[in-house]
Amino acid sequence: MLEIRTAKEEEFENVVSFYDAVIDGMQNAESKPGWKKGIYPDEKFLKGAIERQELLIGILDGVITGAMVVCWEEISPSTLYSR
């Protein structure tokens, strides 16, 4: 069963690895999110989202299979990238 919950600080490296794998897997896709390793989502952004409990992860059989950042406040895109 898929478990969805906020990521924990000790899972940071696994979250980064997950996003890196998604970026690698999307290289030849017709539709791409425009992400680049180390640029977006960068480690500062992900770490901040974990600290603010805004990063949700999906875990299946002990492996992160999904992730997203949920921000509850209204912010501008420039503010988002500077967090």
PDB file of N, CA and C in Angstrom:
ATOM      1  N   MET A   1       0.844  -1.177   0.000  1.00  0.00           N
ATOM      2  CA  MET A   1       0.000   0.000   0.000  1.00  0.00           C
ATOM      3  C   MET A   1       0.892   1.245   0.000  1.00  0.00           C
ATOM      4  N   LEU A   2       0.518   2.222  -0.791  1.00  0.00           N
ATOM      5  CA  LEU A   2       1.259   3.473  -0.875  1.00  0.00           C
ATOM      6  C   LEU A   2       1.024   4.301   0.382  1.00  0.00           C
ATOM      7  N   GLU A   3       2.114   4.726   1.004  1.00  0.00           N
ATOM      8  CA  GLU A   3       2.051   5.609   2.172  1.00  0.00           C
ATOM      9  C   GLU A   3       2.435   7.013   1.712  1.00  0.00           C
ATOM     10  N   ILE A   4       1.631   8.004   2.046  1.00  0.00           N
ATOM     11  CA  ILE A   4       1.940   9.393   1.722  1.00  0.00           C
ATOM     12  C   ILE A   4       2.086  10.158   3.026  1.00  0.00           C
ATOM     13  N   ARG A   5       3.226  10.843   3.154  1.00  0.00           N
ATOM     14  CA  ARG A   5       3.505  11.586   4.385  1.00  0.00           C
ATOM     15  C   ARG A   5       4.563  12.646   4.119  1.00  0.00           C
ATOM     16  N   THR A   6       4.786  13.506   5.112  1.00  0.00           N
ATOM     17  CA  THR A   6       5.853  14.499   4.973  1.00  0.00           C
ATOM     18  C   THR A   6       7.201  13.800   5.105  1.00  0.00           C
ATOM     19  N   ALA A   7       8.153  14.311   4.335  1.00  0.00           N
ATOM     20  CA  ALA A   7       9.506  13.757   4.384  1.00  0.00           C
ATOM     21  C   ALA A   7      10.191  14.162   5.682  1.00  0.00           C
ATOM     22  N   LYS A   8      11.061  13.293   6.164  1.00  0.00           N
ATOM     23  CA  LYS A   8      11.833  13.564   7.378  1.00  0.00           C
ATOM     24  C   LYS A   8      13.234  14.030   6.984  1.00  0.00           C
ATOM     25  N   GLU A   9      13.859  14.818   7.863  1.00  0.00           N
ATOM     26  CA  GLU A   9      15.190  15.350   7.568  1.00  0.00           C
ATOM     27  C   GLU A   9      16.190  14.248   7.250  1.00  0.00           C
ATOM     28  N   GLU A  10      16.076  13.115   7.897  1.00  0.00           N
ATOM     29  CA  GLU A  10      17.028  12.025   7.648  1.00  0.00           C
ATOM     30  C   GLU A  10      16.799  11.343   6.289  1.00  0.00           C
ATOM     31  N   GLU A  11      15.731  11.707   5.606  1.00  0.00           N
ATOM     32  CA  GLU A  11      15.446  11.156   4.274  1.00  0.00           C
ATOM     33  C   GLU A  11      15.916  12.080   3.144  1.00  0.00           C
ATOM     34  N   PHE A  12      16.579  13.166   3.502  1.00  0.00           N
ATOM     35  CA  PHE A  12      16.992  14.168   2.524  1.00  0.00           C
ATOM     36  C   PHE A  12      17.753  13.556   1.348  1.00  0.00           C
ATOM     37  N   GLU A  13      18.760  12.763   1.602  1.00  0.00           N
ATOM     38  CA  GLU A  13      19.566  12.172   0.522  1.00  0.00           C
ATOM     39  C   GLU A  13      18.708  11.293  -0.384  1.00  0.00           C
ATOM     40  N   ASN A  14      17.767  10.555   0.191  1.00  0.00           N
ATOM     41  CA  ASN A  14      16.876   9.717  -0.610  1.00  0.00           C
ATOM     42  C   ASN A  14      15.953  10.565  -1.478  1.00  0.00           C
ATOM     43  N   VAL A  15      15.522  11.702  -0.960  1.00  0.00           N
ATOM     44  CA  VAL A  15      14.671  12.614  -1.733  1.00  0.00           C
ATOM     45  C   VAL A  15      15.459  13.174  -2.921  1.00  0.00           C
ATOM     46  N   VAL A  16      16.696  13.604  -2.675  1.00  0.00           N
ATOM     47  CA  VAL A  16      17.546  14.118  -3.758  1.00  0.00           C
ATOM     48  C   VAL A  16      17.764  13.032  -4.802  1.00  0.00           C
ATOM     49  N   SER A  17      18.044  11.816  -4.367  1.00  0.00           N
ATOM     50  CA  SER A  17      18.239  10.700  -5.296  1.00  0.00           C
ATOM     51  C   SER A  17      16.979  10.428  -6.111  1.00  0.00           C
ATOM     52  N   PHE A  18      15.827  10.531  -5.466  1.00  0.00           N
ATOM     53  CA  PHE A  18      14.564  10.345  -6.183  1.00  0.00           C
ATOM     54  C   PHE A  18      14.428  11.377  -7.304  1.00  0.00           C
ATOM     55  N   TYR A  19      14.625  12.660  -6.982  1.00  0.00           N
ATOM     56  CA  TYR A  19      14.493  13.703  -7.997  1.00  0.00           C
ATOM     57  C   TYR A  19      15.534  13.528  -9.101  1.00  0.00           C
ATOM     58  N   ASP A  20      16.756  13.140  -8.745  1.00  0.00           N
ATOM     59  CA  ASP A  20      17.778  12.883  -9.766  1.00  0.00           C
ATOM     60  C   ASP A  20      17.340  11.758 -10.702  1.00  0.00           C
ATOM     61  N   ALA A  21      16.754  10.709 -10.151  1.00  0.00           N
ATOM     62  CA  ALA A  21      16.277   9.585 -10.968  1.00  0.00           C
ATOM     63  C   ALA A  21      15.134  10.022 -11.883  1.00  0.00           C
ATOM     64  N   VAL A  22      14.250  10.880 -11.385  1.00  0.00           N
ATOM     65  CA  VAL A  22      13.152  11.390 -12.214  1.00  0.00           C
ATOM     66  C   VAL A  22      13.724  12.208 -13.376  1.00  0.00           C
ATOM     67  N   ILE A  23      14.687  13.067 -13.071  1.00  0.00           N
ATOM     68  CA  ILE A  23      15.313  13.889 -14.116  1.00  0.00           C
ATOM     69  C   ILE A  23      15.968  12.993 -15.166  1.00  0.00           C
ATOM     70  N   ASP A  24      16.713  11.979 -14.724  1.00  0.00           N
ATOM     71  CA  ASP A  24      17.346  11.041 -15.661  1.00  0.00           C
ATOM     72  C   ASP A  24      16.298  10.317 -16.504  1.00  0.00           C
ATOM     73  N   GLY A  25      15.223   9.891 -15.873  1.00  0.00           N
ATOM     74  CA  GLY A  25      14.184   9.135 -16.561  1.00  0.00           C
ATOM     75  C   GLY A  25      13.390   9.960 -17.566  1.00  0.00           C
ATOM     76  N   MET A  26      13.405  11.275 -17.411  1.00  0.00           N
ATOM     77  CA  MET A  26      12.630  12.153 -18.294  1.00  0.00           C
ATOM     78  C   MET A  26      13.453  12.711 -19.457  1.00  0.00           C
ATOM     79  N   GLN A  27      14.722  12.356 -19.555  1.00  0.00           N
ATOM     80  CA  GLN A  27      15.593  12.932 -20.580  1.00  0.00           C
ATOM     81  C   GLN A  27      15.056  12.753 -21.998  1.00  0.00           C
ATOM     82  N   ASN A  28      14.484  11.602 -22.295  1.00  0.00           N
ATOM     83  CA  ASN A  28      13.990  11.326 -23.643  1.00  0.00           C
ATOM     84  C   ASN A  28      12.471  11.396 -23.746  1.00  0.00           C
ATOM     85  N   ALA A  29      11.828  11.925 -22.723  1.00  0.00           N
ATOM     86  CA  ALA A  29      10.365  12.023 -22.725  1.00  0.00           C
ATOM     87  C   ALA A  29       9.906  13.143 -23.652  1.00  0.00           C
ATOM     88  N   GLU A  30       8.724  12.979 -24.203  1.00  0.00           N
ATOM     89  CA  GLU A  30       8.160  14.002 -25.076  1.00  0.00           C
ATOM     90  C   GLU A  30       7.851  15.278 -24.296  1.00  0.00           C
ATOM     91  N   SER A  31       7.286  15.126 -23.100  1.00  0.00           N
ATOM     92  CA  SER A  31       6.999  16.261 -22.224  1.00  0.00           C
ATOM     93  C   SER A  31       7.969  16.208 -21.058  1.00  0.00           C
ATOM     94  N   LYS A  32       8.699  17.282 -20.839  1.00  0.00           N
ATOM     95  CA  LYS A  32       9.705  17.332 -19.777  1.00  0.00           C
ATOM     96  C   LYS A  32       9.359  18.439 -18.789  1.00  0.00           C
ATOM     97  N   PRO A  33       9.655  18.224 -17.502  1.00  0.00           N
ATOM     98  CA  PRO A  33       9.369  19.267 -16.520  1.00  0.00           C
ATOM     99  C   PRO A  33      10.350  20.433 -16.570  1.00  0.00           C
ATOM    100  N   GLY A  34      11.452  20.296 -17.301  1.00  0.00           N
ATOM    101  CA  GLY A  34      12.438  21.373 -17.370  1.00  0.00           C
ATOM    102  C   GLY A  34      13.388  21.403 -16.194  1.00  0.00           C
ATOM    103  N   TRP A  35      13.416  20.333 -15.416  1.00  0.00           N
ATOM    104  CA  TRP A  35      14.303  20.276 -14.264  1.00  0.00           C
ATOM    105  C   TRP A  35      15.713  19.926 -14.692  1.00  0.00           C
ATOM    106  N   LYS A  36      16.696  20.427 -13.926  1.00  0.00           N
ATOM    107  CA  LYS A  36      18.098  20.104 -14.157  1.00  0.00           C
ATOM    108  C   LYS A  36      18.734  19.793 -12.816  1.00  0.00           C
ATOM    109  N   LYS A  37      19.526  18.719 -12.780  1.00  0.00           N
ATOM    110  CA  LYS A  37      20.165  18.317 -11.528  1.00  0.00           C
ATOM    111  C   LYS A  37      20.976  19.470 -10.942  1.00  0.00           C
ATOM    112  N   GLY A  38      20.799  19.699  -9.657  1.00  0.00           N
ATOM    113  CA  GLY A  38      21.543  20.727  -8.952  1.00  0.00           C
ATOM    114  C   GLY A  38      21.057  22.145  -9.185  1.00  0.00           C
ATOM    115  N   ILE A  39      20.146  22.329 -10.152  1.00  0.00           N
ATOM    116  CA  ILE A  39      19.630  23.664 -10.442  1.00  0.00           C
ATOM    117  C   ILE A  39      18.186  23.779  -9.967  1.00  0.00           C
ATOM    118  N   TYR A  40      17.340  22.883 -10.423  1.00  0.00           N
ATOM    119  CA  TYR A  40      15.969  22.823  -9.910  1.00  0.00           C
ATOM    120  C   TYR A  40      15.448  21.410 -10.056  1.00  0.00           C
ATOM    121  N   PRO A  41      14.946  20.848  -9.007  1.00  0.00           N
ATOM    122  CA  PRO A  41      14.943  21.416  -7.657  1.00  0.00           C
ATOM    123  C   PRO A  41      16.319  21.268  -7.029  1.00  0.00           C
ATOM    124  N   ASP A  42      16.843  22.353  -6.476  1.00  0.00           N
ATOM    125  CA  ASP A  42      18.178  22.265  -5.866  1.00  0.00           C
ATOM    126  C   ASP A  42      18.071  21.815  -4.409  1.00  0.00           C
ATOM    127  N   GLU A  43      19.227  21.485  -3.842  1.00  0.00           N
ATOM    128  CA  GLU A  43      19.250  20.928  -2.486  1.00  0.00           C
ATOM    129  C   GLU A  43      18.731  21.922  -1.448  1.00  0.00           C
ATOM    130  N   LYS A  44      19.021  23.204  -1.607  1.00  0.00           N
ATOM    131  CA  LYS A  44      18.535  24.217  -0.661  1.00  0.00           C
ATOM    132  C   LYS A  44      17.010  24.248  -0.653  1.00  0.00           C
ATOM    133  N   PHE A  45      16.416  24.223  -1.844  1.00  0.00           N
ATOM    134  CA  PHE A  45      14.952  24.235  -1.953  1.00  0.00           C
ATOM    135  C   PHE A  45      14.357  22.997  -1.285  1.00  0.00           C
ATOM    136  N   LEU A  46      14.910  21.823  -1.583  1.00  0.00           N
ATOM    137  CA  LEU A  46      14.376  20.578  -1.010  1.00  0.00           C
ATOM    138  C   LEU A  46      14.563  20.528   0.495  1.00  0.00           C
ATOM    139  N   LYS A  47      15.733  20.932   0.965  1.00  0.00           N
ATOM    140  CA  LYS A  47      15.998  20.922   2.409  1.00  0.00           C
ATOM    141  C   LYS A  47      15.044  21.862   3.138  1.00  0.00           C
ATOM    142  N   GLY A  48      14.831  23.050   2.585  1.00  0.00           N
ATOM    143  CA  GLY A  48      13.900  24.003   3.187  1.00  0.00           C
ATOM    144  C   GLY A  48      12.480  23.466   3.221  1.00  0.00           C
ATOM    145  N   ALA A  49      12.070  22.803   2.142  1.00  0.00           N
ATOM    146  CA  ALA A  49      10.720  22.232   2.088  1.00  0.00           C
ATOM    147  C   ALA A  49      10.549  21.139   3.135  1.00  0.00           C
ATOM    148  N   ILE A  50      11.593  20.352   3.347  1.00  0.00           N
ATOM    149  CA  ILE A  50      11.534  19.312   4.389  1.00  0.00           C
ATOM    150  C   ILE A  50      11.437  19.969   5.761  1.00  0.00           C
ATOM    151  N   GLU A  51      12.264  20.978   6.003  1.00  0.00           N
ATOM    152  CA  GLU A  51      12.260  21.656   7.307  1.00  0.00           C
ATOM    153  C   GLU A  51      10.908  22.295   7.602  1.00  0.00           C
ATOM    154  N   ARG A  52      10.255  22.828   6.560  1.00  0.00           N
ATOM    155  CA  ARG A  52       8.938  23.473   6.747  1.00  0.00           C
ATOM    156  C   ARG A  52       7.784  22.469   6.674  1.00  0.00           C
ATOM    157  N   GLN A  53       8.111  21.199   6.516  1.00  0.00           N
ATOM    158  CA  GLN A  53       7.129  20.118   6.388  1.00  0.00           C
ATOM    159  C   GLN A  53       6.203  20.347   5.198  1.00  0.00           C
ATOM    160  N   GLU A  54       6.780  20.832   4.103  1.00  0.00           N
ATOM    161  CA  GLU A  54       6.032  21.077   2.873  1.00  0.00           C
ATOM    162  C   GLU A  54       6.313  20.030   1.801  1.00  0.00           C
ATOM    163  N   LEU A  55       7.258  19.132   2.057  1.00  0.00           N
ATOM    164  CA  LEU A  55       7.608  18.125   1.065  1.00  0.00           C
ATOM    165  C   LEU A  55       6.935  16.809   1.423  1.00  0.00           C
ATOM    166  N   LEU A  56       5.994  16.399   0.574  1.00  0.00           N
ATOM    167  CA  LEU A  56       5.289  15.135   0.769  1.00  0.00           C
ATOM    168  C   LEU A  56       5.942  14.070  -0.100  1.00  0.00           C
ATOM    169  N   ILE A  57       6.056  12.859   0.434  1.00  0.00           N
ATOM    170  CA  ILE A  57       6.605  11.753  -0.331  1.00  0.00           C
ATOM    171  C   ILE A  57       5.635  10.585  -0.320  1.00  0.00           C
ATOM    172  N   GLY A  58       5.673   9.828  -1.402  1.00  0.00           N
ATOM    173  CA  GLY A  58       4.934   8.581  -1.496  1.00  0.00           C
ATOM    174  C   GLY A  58       5.930   7.448  -1.354  1.00  0.00           C
ATOM    175  N   ILE A  59       5.650   6.500  -0.483  1.00  0.00           N
ATOM    176  CA  ILE A  59       6.554   5.381  -0.240  1.00  0.00           C
ATOM    177  C   ILE A  59       5.807   4.082  -0.513  1.00  0.00           C
ATOM    178  N   LEU A  60       6.423   3.258  -1.339  1.00  0.00           N
ATOM    179  CA  LEU A  60       5.864   1.949  -1.675  1.00  0.00           C
ATOM    180  C   LEU A  60       6.962   0.916  -1.481  1.00  0.00           C
ATOM    181  N   ASP A  61       6.699  -0.064  -0.643  1.00  0.00           N
ATOM    182  CA  ASP A  61       7.687  -1.103  -0.330  1.00  0.00           C
ATOM    183  C   ASP A  61       9.014  -0.514   0.133  1.00  0.00           C
ATOM    184  N   GLY A  62       8.941   0.559   0.929  1.00  0.00           N
ATOM    185  CA  GLY A  62      10.137   1.157   1.509  1.00  0.00           C
ATOM    186  C   GLY A  62      10.919   2.068   0.580  1.00  0.00           C
ATOM    187  N   VAL A  63      10.396   2.328  -0.611  1.00  0.00           N
ATOM    188  CA  VAL A  63      11.092   3.143  -1.607  1.00  0.00           C
ATOM    189  C   VAL A  63      10.262   4.387  -1.931  1.00  0.00           C
ATOM    190  N   ILE A  64      10.928   5.546  -2.028  1.00  0.00           N
ATOM    191  CA  ILE A  64      10.224   6.766  -2.430  1.00  0.00           C
ATOM    192  C   ILE A  64       9.832   6.624  -3.895  1.00  0.00           C
ATOM    193  N   THR A  65       8.534   6.697  -4.163  1.00  0.00           N
ATOM    194  CA  THR A  65       8.027   6.544  -5.528  1.00  0.00           C
ATOM    195  C   THR A  65       7.339   7.812  -6.031  1.00  0.00           C
ATOM    196  N   GLY A  66       7.247   8.826  -5.190  1.00  0.00           N
ATOM    197  CA  GLY A  66       6.633  10.080  -5.585  1.00  0.00           C
ATOM    198  C   GLY A  66       6.993  11.161  -4.581  1.00  0.00           C
ATOM    199  N   ALA A  67       6.977  12.401  -5.031  1.00  0.00           N
ATOM    200  CA  ALA A  67       7.269  13.519  -4.133  1.00  0.00           C
ATOM    201  C   ALA A  67       6.671  14.790  -4.711  1.00  0.00           C
ATOM    202  N   MET A  68       6.295  15.686  -3.822  1.00  0.00           N
ATOM    203  CA  MET A  68       5.831  17.000  -4.252  1.00  0.00           C
ATOM    204  C   MET A  68       5.933  17.971  -3.083  1.00  0.00           C
ATOM    205  N   VAL A  69       6.117  19.227  -3.439  1.00  0.00           N
ATOM    206  CA  VAL A  69       6.174  20.287  -2.439  1.00  0.00           C
ATOM    207  C   VAL A  69       4.822  20.981  -2.432  1.00  0.00           C
ATOM    208  N   VAL A  70       4.250  21.087  -1.244  1.00  0.00           N
ATOM    209  CA  VAL A  70       2.965  21.747  -1.068  1.00  0.00           C
ATOM    210  C   VAL A  70       3.198  22.958  -0.165  1.00  0.00           C
ATOM    211  N   CYS A  71       2.963  24.126  -0.725  1.00  0.00           N
ATOM    212  CA  CYS A  71       3.150  25.362   0.024  1.00  0.00           C
ATOM    213  C   CYS A  71       1.767  25.953   0.284  1.00  0.00           C
ATOM    214  N   TRP A  72       1.460  26.194   1.528  1.00  0.00           N
ATOM    215  CA  TRP A  72       0.123  26.635   1.903  1.00  0.00           C
ATOM    216  C   TRP A  72      -0.051  28.142   1.844  1.00  0.00           C
ATOM    217  N   GLU A  73       1.031  28.887   1.705  1.00  0.00           N
ATOM    218  CA  GLU A  73       0.905  30.337   1.648  1.00  0.00           C
ATOM    219  C   GLU A  73       1.021  30.817   0.209  1.00  0.00           C
ATOM    220  N   GLU A  74       0.436  31.955  -0.065  1.00  0.00           N
ATOM    221  CA  GLU A  74       0.517  32.525  -1.407  1.00  0.00           C
ATOM    222  C   GLU A  74       1.836  33.269  -1.536  1.00  0.00           C
ATOM    223  N   ILE A  75       2.652  32.837  -2.503  1.00  0.00           N
ATOM    224  CA  ILE A  75       3.952  33.472  -2.702  1.00  0.00           C
ATOM    225  C   ILE A  75       4.205  33.638  -4.200  1.00  0.00           C
ATOM    226  N   SER A  76       5.077  34.570  -4.520  1.00  0.00           N
ATOM    227  CA  SER A  76       5.430  34.794  -5.926  1.00  0.00           C
ATOM    228  C   SER A  76       6.484  33.773  -6.344  1.00  0.00           C
ATOM    229  N   PRO A  77       6.599  33.488  -7.641  1.00  0.00           N
ATOM    230  CA  PRO A  77       7.614  32.542  -8.106  1.00  0.00           C
ATOM    231  C   PRO A  77       9.030  32.942  -7.688  1.00  0.00           C
ATOM    232  N   SER A  78       9.349  34.235  -7.705  1.00  0.00           N
ATOM    233  CA  SER A  78      10.694  34.662  -7.316  1.00  0.00           C
ATOM    234  C   SER A  78      10.964  34.351  -5.850  1.00  0.00           C
ATOM    235  N   THR A  79       9.949  34.476  -5.002  1.00  0.00           N
ATOM    236  CA  THR A  79      10.106  34.130  -3.586  1.00  0.00           C
ATOM    237  C   THR A  79      10.298  32.645  -3.423  1.00  0.00           C
ATOM    238  N   LEU A  80       9.571  31.856  -4.179  1.00  0.00           N
ATOM    239  CA  LEU A  80       9.658  30.402  -4.108  1.00  0.00           C
ATOM    240  C   LEU A  80      11.077  29.943  -4.375  1.00  0.00           C
ATOM    241  N   TYR A  81      11.717  30.464  -5.411  1.00  0.00           N
ATOM    242  CA  TYR A  81      13.054  30.013  -5.789  1.00  0.00           C
ATOM    243  C   TYR A  81      14.128  30.518  -4.849  1.00  0.00           C
ATOM    244  N   SER A  82      13.840  31.537  -4.070  1.00  0.00           N
ATOM    245  CA  SER A  82      14.846  32.058  -3.147  1.00  0.00           C
ATOM    246  C   SER A  82      14.778  31.409  -1.770  1.00  0.00           C
ATOM    247  N   ARG A  83      13.790  30.536  -1.567  1.00  0.00           N
ATOM    248  CA  ARG A  83      13.602  29.910  -0.259  1.00  0.00           C
ATOM    249  C   ARG A  83      14.664  28.930   0.012  1.00  0.00           C
TER     250      ARG A  83
END
